[in-house]
Amino acid sequence: MFLQRVGNKGIQLGTVFDRAAARHPANPVYLDHDLDIAPELGRRITLTEIAGLVDDTASRLWAARVRPGERVVIHKSDNFDISLLAYSVARVGGVPVLLSPKLDGATVARLLQRLGRPTLLTDQPKLESELPAEVFELAERVLVATGEFPGATSLAALAGAERVSPVTMPQDLPALITHTSGTTGLPKLAVQTGHTIQARCRPQSVLLAPVGRHEPIAVHVSFAHSRMISGVALFALRGHPLILLRDDDPERAAELFARVPPGVIESHPNTLLNWETLAKHPAKPLARVRCFSNTFDAIHPRTVETLLGASERSMPFFAQTYGQSETGAIAARTYTRKHRAGADGRCVGVNFPGLTEMRVVSRDGRPPTKENPGRIEARSGGQIVTYLGEEDRFDNQFSEGRWWQMGDLGYRTRLGCLHLLDREVDEIPGISSTLDIEDKLFTRLPELLEVIIVPGAGGAPVPVVCTRDDRPLDLARWRGAVTGLPELAEPVQRRLDDLPHTATTKIKRLELARQLNTPQDEAR
């Protein structure tokens, strides 16, 4: 990982847009929504205007007595200004703590306790309908980005505050705190420094090497996710026009992409799966895409084939990355049209030489194989520095030599490719890979929008399926699709919106299994 240390001076979050605007002042950022904190800017905003907005907001935060080193929790209604507020907090030397708008009020309150009386930056709707009154006791001060609320200071009331110079903080100190997905319980608070954020940008730069800097990049990622903070910084500094979406509705995405054709699309795997319908859209919203990219989770081969087939570029490719919130991207592979037919969705590629390392450790003394997977471990310059308030838990996540235990099971081929088979906590006895079975079902049943295999009563594997437009599952087609697969219980059909999701649209498998195995009278 020596390359991560070469020339890594830290990201300097507070001045990202100043530097980006100095290089590319007229570069546009297109939104599918208005900014809550500045709706007058509209939905096409230049980097120069964003730099000015961040500067103005930082000055208001300073006037509200936010000071260097202070933790500022940002939990407000879903909007790109969540990310902009984080840059503004960093500009005055504060440490932004991003809590997803999808977190419930009780969870937010528990995380505030762990943070030790931070400043809370929220908005009127959250305080009126979601956050408990105790947040005023758990926070040093409460600020509202929009609206008004008794006992809170409104940033709108601080308009015209004297501009302040950006505060330059040492880049080895905490610079950003985000939370993990919470698939296994209360989310953990992951701490990054300026150095680790900068290190996370470098693997993405490798993947973008074949892409021209004039190509617009469309991003649909949680505005409270660390990937949004590092990704937007990298893309803006490289000079790419940006298209940032809050809504993943296919029709709304199609309208925006037809008007501003993206050359790169990055999103969560579930969003890309939902956008498969855009491949046959009459407006051809994917026609100009050179690169599709998913964030941190394996993608289904059907989705890769469908999206690549929709591009009219001569050599489009799909960049598959593997990693997690704690590490950033660890490994990657690319698909082209020649790979898409019959591609193995369990292969997540190889590490980034000089930037990341990975290994698979045996669980029983035998070499890890597809039939006997081992534990996946990694090292990265983008590794978080701790879990805030859970330092022992963080330390226990390492094995010898400071290898980070990813919590996943897999094996490596003779060529060094990593194959991801399952999360360790999701392993079902007798099933070598639930994810592999799900890949096969997606390929055989195009009508599926989601399929998740979880242990049912007695440990039997139960497939939970969601179909496009919630059409009833054709059981005859299902029986044909499961031929040759390990024996599964009868499928359970659900609406996609009724499944428990994380902030990054992943299904909470443990929670889903608990729901299925809880009698109806106990669930009430």
Protein backbone atom coordinates (compact mmCIF):
# COMPACT_ATOMS: atom_id res chain seq x y z
CA MET A 1 0.00 0.00 0.00
CA PHE A 2 3.00 2.27 -0.41
CA LEU A 3 1.28 4.25 -3.18
CA GLN A 4 -1.36 5.41 -0.69
CA ARG A 5 1.33 7.23 1.28
CA VAL A 6 3.01 8.88 -1.71
CA GLY A 7 1.84 12.49 -2.04
CA ASN A 8 -1.18 11.99 0.22
CA LYS A 9 -1.62 15.44 1.76
CA GLY A 10 -5.23 14.86 2.75
CA ILE A 11 -8.49 15.81 1.08
CA GLN A 12 -9.05 19.20 2.85
CA LEU A 13 -12.85 18.87 2.63
CA GLY A 14 -13.55 22.48 3.55
CA THR A 15 -11.92 23.88 0.40
CA VAL A 16 -12.85 21.19 -2.16
CA PHE A 17 -15.29 23.43 -4.01
CA ASP A 18 -13.00 26.46 -3.88
CA ARG A 19 -10.32 24.43 -5.66
CA ALA A 20 -12.77 22.80 -8.07
CA ALA A 21 -14.30 26.19 -8.96
CA ALA A 22 -10.85 27.70 -9.49
CA ARG A 23 -10.11 24.99 -12.09
CA HIS A 24 -13.56 24.64 -13.67
CA PRO A 25 -15.64 27.69 -12.65
CA ALA A 26 -18.55 27.16 -15.05
CA ASN A 27 -18.83 23.39 -14.69
CA PRO A 28 -22.44 22.48 -13.95
CA VAL A 29 -24.07 20.34 -11.28
CA TYR A 30 -27.53 19.11 -12.33
CA LEU A 31 -30.05 18.08 -9.65
CA ASP A 32 -33.41 16.33 -9.78
CA HIS A 33 -34.55 18.42 -6.79
CA ASP A 34 -34.20 21.90 -5.32
CA LEU A 35 -31.71 22.52 -2.51
CA ASP A 36 -33.58 23.04 0.75
CA ILE A 37 -31.03 25.62 1.92
CA ALA A 38 -30.92 27.52 -1.39
CA PRO A 39 -33.92 26.73 -3.64
CA GLU A 40 -33.31 29.96 -5.56
CA LEU A 41 -30.23 28.41 -7.20
CA GLY A 42 -32.44 26.07 -9.19
CA ARG A 43 -31.44 22.69 -10.56
CA ARG A 44 -28.46 23.67 -12.68
CA ILE A 45 -25.77 25.12 -10.46
CA THR A 46 -22.17 25.97 -11.30
CA LEU A 47 -19.22 24.98 -9.15
CA THR A 48 -18.63 28.68 -8.51
CA GLU A 49 -22.14 29.03 -7.10
CA ILE A 50 -21.69 25.93 -4.93
CA ALA A 51 -18.38 27.24 -3.61
CA GLY A 52 -20.12 30.47 -2.66
CA LEU A 53 -22.96 28.60 -0.96
CA VAL A 54 -20.54 26.48 1.10
CA ASP A 55 -18.63 29.64 2.10
CA ASP A 56 -21.82 31.44 3.11
CA THR A 57 -23.15 28.46 5.08
CA ALA A 58 -19.81 28.02 6.86
CA SER A 59 -19.94 31.66 7.93
CA ARG A 60 -23.40 31.14 9.41
CA LEU A 61 -22.17 28.07 11.28
CA TRP A 62 -19.30 30.11 12.69
CA ALA A 63 -21.78 32.78 13.78
CA ALA A 64 -23.74 29.96 15.49
CA ARG A 65 -20.56 29.25 17.53
CA VAL A 66 -19.46 26.07 15.73
CA ARG A 67 -15.71 25.85 16.30
CA PRO A 68 -12.72 23.73 15.10
CA GLY A 69 -12.72 20.14 16.31
CA GLU A 70 -16.40 20.20 17.24
CA ARG A 71 -18.63 17.34 16.10
CA VAL A 72 -21.67 18.48 14.15
CA VAL A 73 -24.36 15.89 13.51
CA ILE A 74 -26.18 16.49 10.21
CA HIS A 75 -29.54 14.75 10.15
CA LYS A 76 -32.13 16.42 7.95
CA SER A 77 -34.59 15.71 5.18
CA ASP A 78 -33.11 13.93 2.16
CA ASN A 79 -31.33 16.41 -0.11
CA PHE A 80 -27.92 17.04 -1.68
CA ASP A 81 -27.50 19.89 0.78
CA ILE A 82 -26.70 17.21 3.41
CA SER A 83 -23.37 16.79 1.63
CA LEU A 84 -22.93 20.54 1.17
CA LEU A 85 -23.53 21.11 4.87
CA ALA A 86 -20.79 18.57 5.59
CA TYR A 87 -18.33 20.54 3.44
CA SER A 88 -19.46 23.72 5.23
CA VAL A 89 -18.86 22.22 8.67
CA ALA A 90 -15.38 21.12 7.54
CA ARG A 91 -14.69 24.64 6.28
CA VAL A 92 -14.82 26.00 9.85
CA GLY A 93 -12.75 23.10 11.17
CA GLY A 94 -15.66 21.07 12.53
CA VAL A 95 -16.13 17.33 12.12
CA PRO A 96 -19.32 16.52 10.18
CA VAL A 97 -21.22 13.48 11.44
CA LEU A 98 -23.63 12.29 8.74
CA LEU A 99 -26.70 10.39 9.90
CA SER A 100 -28.99 9.12 7.16
CA PRO A 101 -32.41 10.75 6.83
CA LYS A 102 -33.81 7.20 6.90
CA LEU A 103 -32.71 6.58 10.48
CA ASP A 104 -35.57 6.69 12.97
CA GLY A 105 -35.59 9.25 15.76
CA ALA A 106 -34.83 6.75 18.52
CA THR A 107 -31.70 5.53 16.69
CA VAL A 108 -30.55 9.12 16.13
CA ALA A 109 -30.97 9.82 19.85
CA ARG A 110 -28.88 6.76 20.78
CA LEU A 111 -26.12 7.85 18.39
CA LEU A 112 -26.19 11.38 19.84
CA GLN A 113 -25.52 9.86 23.27
CA ARG A 114 -22.45 8.10 21.86
CA LEU A 115 -21.18 11.36 20.37
CA GLY A 116 -21.03 13.23 23.69
CA ARG A 117 -23.17 16.37 23.29
CA PRO A 118 -22.40 17.39 19.70
CA THR A 119 -24.08 20.18 17.80
CA LEU A 120 -27.18 18.89 15.98
CA LEU A 121 -27.90 20.39 12.56
CA THR A 122 -31.36 19.35 11.42
CA ASP A 123 -34.51 20.94 10.02
CA GLN A 124 -38.03 21.83 11.03
CA PRO A 125 -39.74 18.71 9.56
CA LYS A 126 -37.40 16.34 11.43
CA LEU A 127 -37.96 18.13 14.75
CA GLU A 128 -41.72 18.33 14.26
CA SER A 129 -42.44 14.76 13.28
CA GLU A 130 -39.49 12.39 13.80
CA LEU A 131 -36.90 13.39 16.39
CA PRO A 132 -37.72 12.96 20.10
CA ALA A 133 -37.64 16.01 22.39
CA GLU A 134 -34.63 14.55 24.23
CA VAL A 135 -32.32 15.57 21.39
CA PHE A 136 -32.22 19.04 22.93
CA GLU A 137 -30.73 17.52 26.09
CA LEU A 138 -28.31 15.31 24.16
CA ALA A 139 -26.94 18.13 21.99
CA GLU A 140 -24.84 21.15 22.95
CA ARG A 141 -26.97 23.22 20.58
CA VAL A 142 -29.59 22.54 17.92
CA LEU A 143 -29.46 24.34 14.59
CA VAL A 144 -32.07 24.16 11.84
CA ALA A 145 -30.91 24.38 8.24
CA THR A 146 -34.42 25.30 7.12
CA GLY A 147 -37.49 26.50 8.93
CA GLU A 148 -37.80 27.38 12.61
CA PHE A 149 -38.36 25.48 15.85
CA PRO A 150 -38.55 26.60 19.49
CA GLY A 151 -35.19 26.29 21.20
CA ALA A 152 -33.26 25.89 17.94
CA THR A 153 -31.18 28.46 16.07
CA SER A 154 -32.17 29.01 12.45
CA LEU A 155 -29.38 29.37 9.90
CA ALA A 156 -31.72 31.60 7.90
CA ALA A 157 -31.65 34.11 10.78
CA LEU A 158 -27.87 34.30 10.40
CA ALA A 159 -27.95 35.48 6.79
CA GLY A 160 -25.35 38.13 6.12
CA ALA A 161 -22.92 36.77 8.70
CA GLU A 162 -19.38 37.99 8.13
CA ARG A 163 -17.42 35.63 5.91
CA VAL A 164 -14.63 33.75 7.66
CA SER A 165 -11.47 32.23 6.23
CA PRO A 166 -11.39 28.43 5.94
CA VAL A 167 -9.79 26.65 8.88
CA THR A 168 -7.02 24.23 7.91
CA MET A 169 -6.97 21.24 10.24
CA PRO A 170 -4.23 18.58 10.48
CA GLN A 171 -5.21 15.84 8.06
CA ASP A 172 -4.46 13.03 10.48
CA LEU A 173 -7.28 14.17 12.78
CA PRO A 174 -10.92 13.08 12.39
CA ALA A 175 -12.40 14.80 9.34
CA LEU A 176 -15.65 12.90 8.75
CA ILE A 177 -17.86 10.48 10.69
CA THR A 178 -20.46 8.37 8.94
CA HIS A 179 -22.36 5.31 10.06
CA THR A 180 -22.35 1.73 8.88
CA SER A 181 -25.38 0.19 7.23
CA GLY A 182 -26.80 -1.24 10.44
CA THR A 183 -27.67 -4.59 8.86
CA THR A 184 -26.77 -6.35 12.12
CA GLY A 185 -28.01 -3.86 14.74
CA LEU A 186 -27.35 -0.28 15.84
CA PRO A 187 -25.15 1.43 13.22
CA LYS A 188 -21.51 1.94 14.15
CA LEU A 189 -19.91 5.38 13.83
CA ALA A 190 -16.98 5.13 11.44
CA VAL A 191 -14.26 7.79 11.75
CA GLN A 192 -12.16 8.95 8.79
CA THR A 193 -9.31 11.44 8.50
CA GLY A 194 -8.34 13.68 5.62
CA HIS A 195 -5.66 11.16 4.69
CA THR A 196 -8.02 8.17 4.60
CA ILE A 197 -10.60 10.04 2.50
CA GLN A 198 -7.91 11.02 0.01
CA ALA A 199 -6.74 7.40 -0.11
CA ARG A 200 -10.27 6.29 -1.00
CA CYS A 201 -10.26 8.55 -4.05
CA ARG A 202 -7.27 6.83 -5.61
CA PRO A 203 -8.82 3.46 -6.54
CA GLN A 204 -11.73 5.35 -8.11
CA SER A 205 -9.24 7.39 -10.15
CA VAL A 206 -7.84 4.10 -11.47
CA LEU A 207 -11.29 3.01 -12.61
CA LEU A 208 -11.96 6.39 -14.25
CA ALA A 209 -8.67 6.40 -16.17
CA PRO A 210 -10.33 5.33 -19.49
CA VAL A 211 -13.04 8.00 -19.11
CA GLY A 212 -12.61 11.49 -20.49
CA ARG A 213 -12.91 14.36 -18.01
CA HIS A 214 -15.62 15.96 -20.12
CA GLU A 215 -17.95 13.00 -19.45
CA PRO A 216 -20.88 13.91 -17.15
CA ILE A 217 -21.07 11.61 -14.11
CA ALA A 218 -24.51 10.72 -12.74
CA VAL A 219 -24.58 9.62 -9.10
CA HIS A 220 -27.39 8.14 -7.06
CA VAL A 221 -25.87 7.36 -3.67
CA SER A 222 -27.10 8.25 -0.19
CA PHE A 223 -26.17 11.88 0.49
CA ALA A 224 -25.12 10.80 3.99
CA HIS A 225 -22.76 8.07 2.75
CA SER A 226 -18.99 8.52 2.84
CA ARG A 227 -18.89 7.55 -0.84
CA MET A 228 -20.90 10.65 -1.74
CA ILE A 229 -18.44 12.91 0.07
CA SER A 230 -15.30 11.41 -1.48
CA GLY A 231 -16.90 10.79 -4.87
CA VAL A 232 -18.27 14.29 -5.40
CA ALA A 233 -14.93 15.76 -4.32
CA LEU A 234 -13.01 13.59 -6.79
CA PHE A 235 -15.40 14.15 -9.70
CA ALA A 236 -15.61 17.92 -9.19
CA LEU A 237 -11.83 18.30 -8.94
CA ARG A 238 -11.34 16.18 -12.08
CA GLY A 239 -13.66 18.50 -13.99
CA HIS A 240 -16.64 16.24 -14.67
CA PRO A 241 -20.09 17.80 -14.96
CA LEU A 242 -22.21 16.19 -12.23
CA ILE A 243 -25.75 14.83 -12.22
CA LEU A 244 -26.93 14.13 -8.68
CA LEU A 245 -30.17 12.29 -8.06
CA ARG A 246 -32.27 11.97 -4.94
CA ASP A 247 -34.98 9.88 -6.58
CA ASP A 248 -34.27 6.55 -8.27
CA ASP A 249 -37.67 6.34 -9.95
CA PRO A 250 -36.87 5.08 -13.48
CA GLU A 251 -39.13 7.57 -15.25
CA ARG A 252 -37.66 10.56 -13.44
CA ALA A 253 -34.14 9.30 -14.09
CA ALA A 254 -34.99 8.76 -17.76
CA GLU A 255 -36.24 12.33 -18.13
CA LEU A 256 -33.07 13.80 -16.62
CA PHE A 257 -30.69 11.47 -18.49
CA ALA A 258 -32.42 12.20 -21.79
CA ARG A 259 -31.91 15.93 -21.18
CA VAL A 260 -28.36 15.63 -19.80
CA PRO A 261 -26.91 12.32 -21.11
CA PRO A 262 -24.43 10.85 -18.60
CA GLY A 263 -21.16 9.29 -19.68
CA VAL A 264 -20.77 7.56 -16.30
CA ILE A 265 -23.42 6.25 -13.92
CA GLU A 266 -22.61 5.25 -10.34
CA SER A 267 -25.15 3.89 -7.91
CA HIS A 268 -26.05 1.14 -5.49
CA PRO A 269 -26.66 -2.32 -7.01
CA ASN A 270 -30.37 -2.24 -6.14
CA THR A 271 -30.82 1.08 -7.94
CA LEU A 272 -29.06 -0.22 -11.05
CA LEU A 273 -31.29 -3.26 -10.96
CA ASN A 274 -34.32 -0.97 -10.80
CA TRP A 275 -32.97 0.95 -13.80
CA GLU A 276 -32.88 -2.12 -16.02
CA THR A 277 -36.18 -0.86 -17.43
CA LEU A 278 -34.32 2.14 -18.88
CA ALA A 279 -32.62 -0.18 -21.38
CA LYS A 280 -35.79 -0.29 -23.48
CA HIS A 281 -37.00 3.24 -22.76
CA PRO A 282 -37.93 5.12 -25.95
CA ALA A 283 -35.86 8.17 -24.89
CA LYS A 284 -32.70 6.00 -24.79
CA PRO A 285 -31.45 7.56 -21.53
CA LEU A 286 -28.48 5.15 -21.31
CA ALA A 287 -27.29 5.51 -24.90
CA ARG A 288 -24.27 7.73 -24.10
CA VAL A 289 -23.00 5.84 -21.04
CA ARG A 290 -19.37 4.77 -21.31
CA CYS A 291 -19.03 3.39 -17.77
CA PHE A 292 -21.47 1.96 -15.26
CA SER A 293 -20.19 1.62 -11.69
CA ASN A 294 -21.69 0.14 -8.56
CA THR A 295 -20.69 0.93 -5.01
CA PHE A 296 -19.19 -1.71 -2.75
CA ASP A 297 -21.55 -4.64 -3.36
CA ALA A 298 -21.58 -7.38 -5.97
CA ILE A 299 -23.87 -6.82 -8.94
CA HIS A 300 -26.08 -9.41 -10.61
CA PRO A 301 -24.90 -10.53 -14.09
CA ARG A 302 -28.37 -9.91 -15.52
CA THR A 303 -28.13 -6.24 -14.58
CA VAL A 304 -24.66 -5.93 -16.13
CA GLU A 305 -25.81 -7.50 -19.39
CA THR A 306 -28.96 -5.38 -19.58
CA LEU A 307 -27.26 -2.04 -18.91
CA LEU A 308 -24.28 -2.65 -21.21
CA GLY A 309 -26.70 -3.64 -23.94
CA ALA A 310 -28.46 -0.27 -23.62
CA SER A 311 -25.33 1.78 -24.31
CA GLU A 312 -24.64 2.83 -27.88
CA ARG A 313 -20.99 3.66 -27.14
CA SER A 314 -18.43 1.56 -29.00
CA MET A 315 -16.72 0.14 -25.90
CA PRO A 316 -18.83 0.58 -22.75
CA PHE A 317 -17.74 -1.17 -19.58
CA PHE A 318 -19.10 -1.96 -16.15
CA ALA A 319 -16.83 -1.35 -13.14
CA GLN A 320 -17.61 -3.72 -10.27
CA THR A 321 -16.09 -2.67 -6.95
CA TYR A 322 -15.96 -4.54 -3.67
CA GLY A 323 -15.44 -2.98 -0.26
CA GLN A 324 -17.35 -1.60 2.70
CA SER A 325 -17.85 1.60 4.65
CA GLU A 326 -14.87 0.78 6.86
CA THR A 327 -12.36 0.23 4.06
CA GLY A 328 -13.44 1.95 0.87
CA ALA A 329 -12.99 0.02 -2.37
CA ILE A 330 -10.69 -2.99 -1.94
CA ALA A 331 -11.05 -4.87 -5.22
CA ALA A 332 -12.53 -4.34 -8.66
CA ARG A 333 -13.14 -5.95 -11.99
CA THR A 334 -14.58 -4.69 -15.25
CA TYR A 335 -17.11 -6.27 -17.57
CA THR A 336 -17.42 -5.53 -21.28
CA ARG A 337 -19.95 -6.80 -23.79
CA LYS A 338 -17.80 -9.82 -24.50
CA HIS A 339 -17.90 -10.81 -20.81
CA ARG A 340 -21.55 -10.20 -20.04
CA ALA A 341 -23.05 -13.49 -21.25
CA GLY A 342 -22.65 -16.07 -18.50
CA ALA A 343 -20.41 -13.85 -16.36
CA ASP A 344 -19.78 -15.07 -12.83
CA GLY A 345 -21.40 -12.51 -10.55
CA ARG A 346 -19.52 -13.87 -7.55
CA CYS A 347 -16.18 -12.70 -8.96
CA VAL A 348 -15.46 -9.24 -7.57
CA GLY A 349 -12.00 -8.91 -9.10
CA VAL A 350 -8.51 -8.21 -7.84
CA ASN A 351 -7.00 -5.68 -5.47
CA PHE A 352 -5.52 -2.34 -6.56
CA PRO A 353 -1.73 -2.94 -6.67
CA GLY A 354 0.11 -0.65 -4.28
CA LEU A 355 -3.20 0.71 -2.95
CA THR A 356 -5.05 -2.20 -1.34
CA GLU A 357 -4.33 -5.78 -0.23
CA MET A 358 -6.61 -8.75 0.39
CA ARG A 359 -6.36 -12.38 1.46
CA VAL A 360 -8.68 -15.30 2.26
CA VAL A 361 -8.02 -17.14 5.53
CA SER A 362 -9.03 -20.76 6.09
CA ARG A 363 -11.57 -21.52 8.81
CA ASP A 364 -10.67 -25.17 9.22
CA GLY A 365 -7.05 -25.56 8.14
CA ARG A 366 -7.97 -26.61 4.60
CA PRO A 367 -7.32 -24.30 1.62
CA PRO A 368 -10.30 -22.01 0.93
CA THR A 369 -12.31 -23.12 -2.11
CA LYS A 370 -15.79 -22.62 -3.51
CA GLU A 371 -16.95 -25.64 -1.50
CA ASN A 372 -15.00 -24.59 1.61
CA PRO A 373 -14.89 -20.78 1.64
CA GLY A 374 -12.62 -18.85 3.97
CA ARG A 375 -12.83 -15.45 5.66
CA ILE A 376 -12.00 -12.43 3.51
CA GLU A 377 -9.56 -9.93 5.05
CA ALA A 378 -8.18 -6.68 3.66
CA ARG A 379 -5.79 -3.78 4.20
CA SER A 380 -6.25 -0.32 2.75
CA GLY A 381 -4.97 3.22 3.13
CA GLY A 382 -8.64 4.22 3.19
CA GLN A 383 -9.26 2.21 6.36
CA ILE A 384 -11.24 4.09 9.00
CA VAL A 385 -9.30 4.88 12.17
CA THR A 386 -11.88 3.73 14.74
CA TYR A 387 -15.53 3.18 15.66
CA LEU A 388 -16.39 6.17 17.81
CA GLY A 389 -17.27 5.02 21.30
CA GLU A 390 -16.60 1.38 20.40
CA GLU A 391 -12.83 1.29 20.18
CA ASP A 392 -12.58 -2.26 21.54
CA ARG A 393 -15.03 -3.47 18.92
CA PHE A 394 -12.91 -1.81 16.25
CA ASP A 395 -9.68 -3.35 17.53
CA ASN A 396 -11.27 -6.80 17.68
CA GLN A 397 -12.12 -6.56 13.98
CA PHE A 398 -8.44 -7.02 13.09
CA SER A 399 -6.51 -10.26 12.84
CA GLU A 400 -2.74 -10.58 12.98
CA GLY A 401 -0.77 -8.04 10.98
CA ARG A 402 -3.66 -5.54 11.14
CA TRP A 403 -5.76 -7.36 8.57
CA TRP A 404 -9.36 -6.09 8.60
CA GLN A 405 -11.95 -8.88 8.76
CA MET A 406 -14.58 -8.02 6.16
CA GLY A 407 -17.18 -10.40 7.59
CA ASP A 408 -17.53 -12.06 4.18
CA LEU A 409 -16.80 -15.58 2.95
CA GLY A 410 -15.12 -16.48 -0.31
CA TYR A 411 -12.05 -17.82 -2.06
CA ARG A 412 -9.43 -16.75 -4.62
CA THR A 413 -8.75 -18.36 -7.96
CA ARG A 414 -5.31 -19.27 -9.32
CA LEU A 415 -5.28 -15.91 -11.12
CA GLY A 416 -5.94 -14.04 -7.87
CA CYS A 417 -9.58 -13.11 -8.50
CA LEU A 418 -11.65 -12.85 -5.33
CA HIS A 419 -14.99 -14.67 -5.31
CA LEU A 420 -17.51 -13.43 -2.74
CA LEU A 421 -19.96 -16.14 -1.70
CA ASP A 422 -21.81 -14.87 1.40
CA ARG A 423 -21.79 -12.66 4.44
CA GLU A 424 -20.56 -14.78 7.34
CA VAL A 425 -23.67 -14.01 9.41
CA ASP A 426 -25.92 -14.99 6.46
CA GLU A 427 -24.38 -18.42 5.83
CA ILE A 428 -26.96 -21.22 5.64
CA PRO A 429 -25.78 -24.78 6.33
CA GLY A 430 -25.90 -26.91 3.19
CA ILE A 431 -25.86 -23.87 0.86
CA SER A 432 -22.43 -23.03 -0.58
CA SER A 433 -23.56 -19.54 -1.62
CA THR A 434 -26.97 -17.92 -1.27
CA LEU A 435 -25.71 -15.04 -3.45
CA ASP A 436 -24.83 -17.46 -6.26
CA ILE A 437 -28.32 -18.98 -6.15
CA GLU A 438 -29.84 -15.50 -6.23
CA ASP A 439 -27.73 -14.62 -9.29
CA LYS A 440 -29.02 -17.71 -11.11
CA LEU A 441 -32.65 -16.94 -10.23
CA PHE A 442 -32.30 -13.36 -11.46
CA THR A 443 -30.92 -14.60 -14.77
CA ARG A 444 -33.64 -17.24 -15.21
CA LEU A 445 -36.56 -15.03 -14.14
CA PRO A 446 -36.36 -11.52 -15.68
CA GLU A 447 -39.57 -10.54 -13.87
CA LEU A 448 -37.78 -10.60 -10.51
CA LEU A 449 -36.96 -7.23 -8.97
CA GLU A 450 -35.47 -8.77 -5.84
CA VAL A 451 -34.82 -12.22 -4.42
CA ILE A 452 -33.29 -12.80 -1.00
CA ILE A 453 -32.65 -16.23 0.50
CA VAL A 454 -32.80 -16.31 4.30
CA PRO A 455 -33.03 -19.14 6.83
CA GLY A 456 -36.57 -20.04 7.79
CA ALA A 457 -37.88 -22.07 10.72
CA GLY A 458 -35.52 -24.97 11.28
CA GLY A 459 -32.87 -23.38 9.05
CA ALA A 460 -34.49 -24.23 5.70
CA PRO A 461 -33.54 -21.68 2.99
CA VAL A 462 -36.56 -19.50 2.20
CA PRO A 463 -36.55 -17.35 -0.98
CA VAL A 464 -38.30 -14.00 -0.55
CA VAL A 465 -39.19 -12.59 -3.96
CA CYS A 466 -40.37 -9.24 -5.31
CA THR A 467 -41.62 -8.83 -8.88
CA ARG A 468 -41.85 -5.84 -11.17
CA ASP A 469 -45.14 -4.01 -10.64
CA ASP A 470 -45.90 -6.57 -7.89
CA ARG A 471 -47.30 -9.04 -10.39
CA PRO A 472 -48.10 -12.47 -8.88
CA LEU A 473 -45.20 -14.89 -9.19
CA ASP A 474 -45.76 -17.55 -11.84
CA LEU A 475 -45.19 -20.71 -9.78
CA ALA A 476 -44.76 -22.90 -12.86
CA ARG A 477 -41.94 -20.66 -14.09
CA TRP A 478 -40.49 -20.64 -10.58
CA ARG A 479 -40.37 -24.42 -10.42
CA GLY A 480 -38.55 -24.49 -13.73
CA ALA A 481 -36.07 -21.85 -12.54
CA VAL A 482 -35.08 -23.73 -9.37
CA THR A 483 -34.33 -26.94 -11.25
CA GLY A 484 -30.75 -27.99 -10.55
CA LEU A 485 -30.41 -25.66 -7.54
CA PRO A 486 -30.16 -26.71 -3.89
CA GLU A 487 -33.54 -27.48 -2.40
CA LEU A 488 -35.39 -24.33 -1.36
CA ALA A 489 -38.58 -23.76 0.61
CA GLU A 490 -41.64 -22.40 -1.18
CA PRO A 491 -41.15 -18.77 -2.23
CA VAL A 492 -42.62 -15.96 -0.15
CA GLN A 493 -43.70 -12.94 -2.21
CA ARG A 494 -43.47 -9.43 -0.77
CA ARG A 495 -43.63 -5.87 -2.01
CA LEU A 496 -40.12 -4.40 -2.31
CA ASP A 497 -41.07 -1.38 -0.20
CA ASP A 498 -42.18 -3.69 2.61
CA LEU A 499 -38.75 -5.28 3.02
CA PRO A 500 -36.39 -3.80 5.67
CA HIS A 501 -33.74 -1.66 3.95
CA THR A 502 -30.55 0.03 5.04
CA ALA A 503 -29.77 3.65 4.12
CA THR A 504 -27.94 2.36 1.03
CA THR A 505 -30.92 0.26 -0.17
CA LYS A 506 -29.46 -3.09 0.92
CA ILE A 507 -31.91 -5.59 2.39
CA LYS A 508 -31.46 -6.24 6.11
CA ARG A 509 -31.30 -10.01 5.80
CA LEU A 510 -31.23 -10.77 9.52
CA GLU A 511 -34.21 -8.51 10.14
CA LEU A 512 -36.09 -10.07 7.21
CA ALA A 513 -35.43 -13.57 8.58
CA ARG A 514 -36.65 -12.45 12.00
CA GLN A 515 -39.85 -11.08 10.47
CA LEU A 516 -40.53 -14.29 8.58
CA ASN A 517 -39.99 -16.42 11.67
CA THR A 518 -42.05 -14.25 14.04
CA PRO A 519 -45.68 -15.41 14.49
CA GLN A 520 -48.19 -12.80 13.38
CA ASP A 521 -49.67 -12.33 16.86
CA GLU A 522 -46.19 -11.67 18.32
CA ALA A 523 -45.36 -9.17 15.57
CA ARG A 524 -48.33 -6.97 16.43
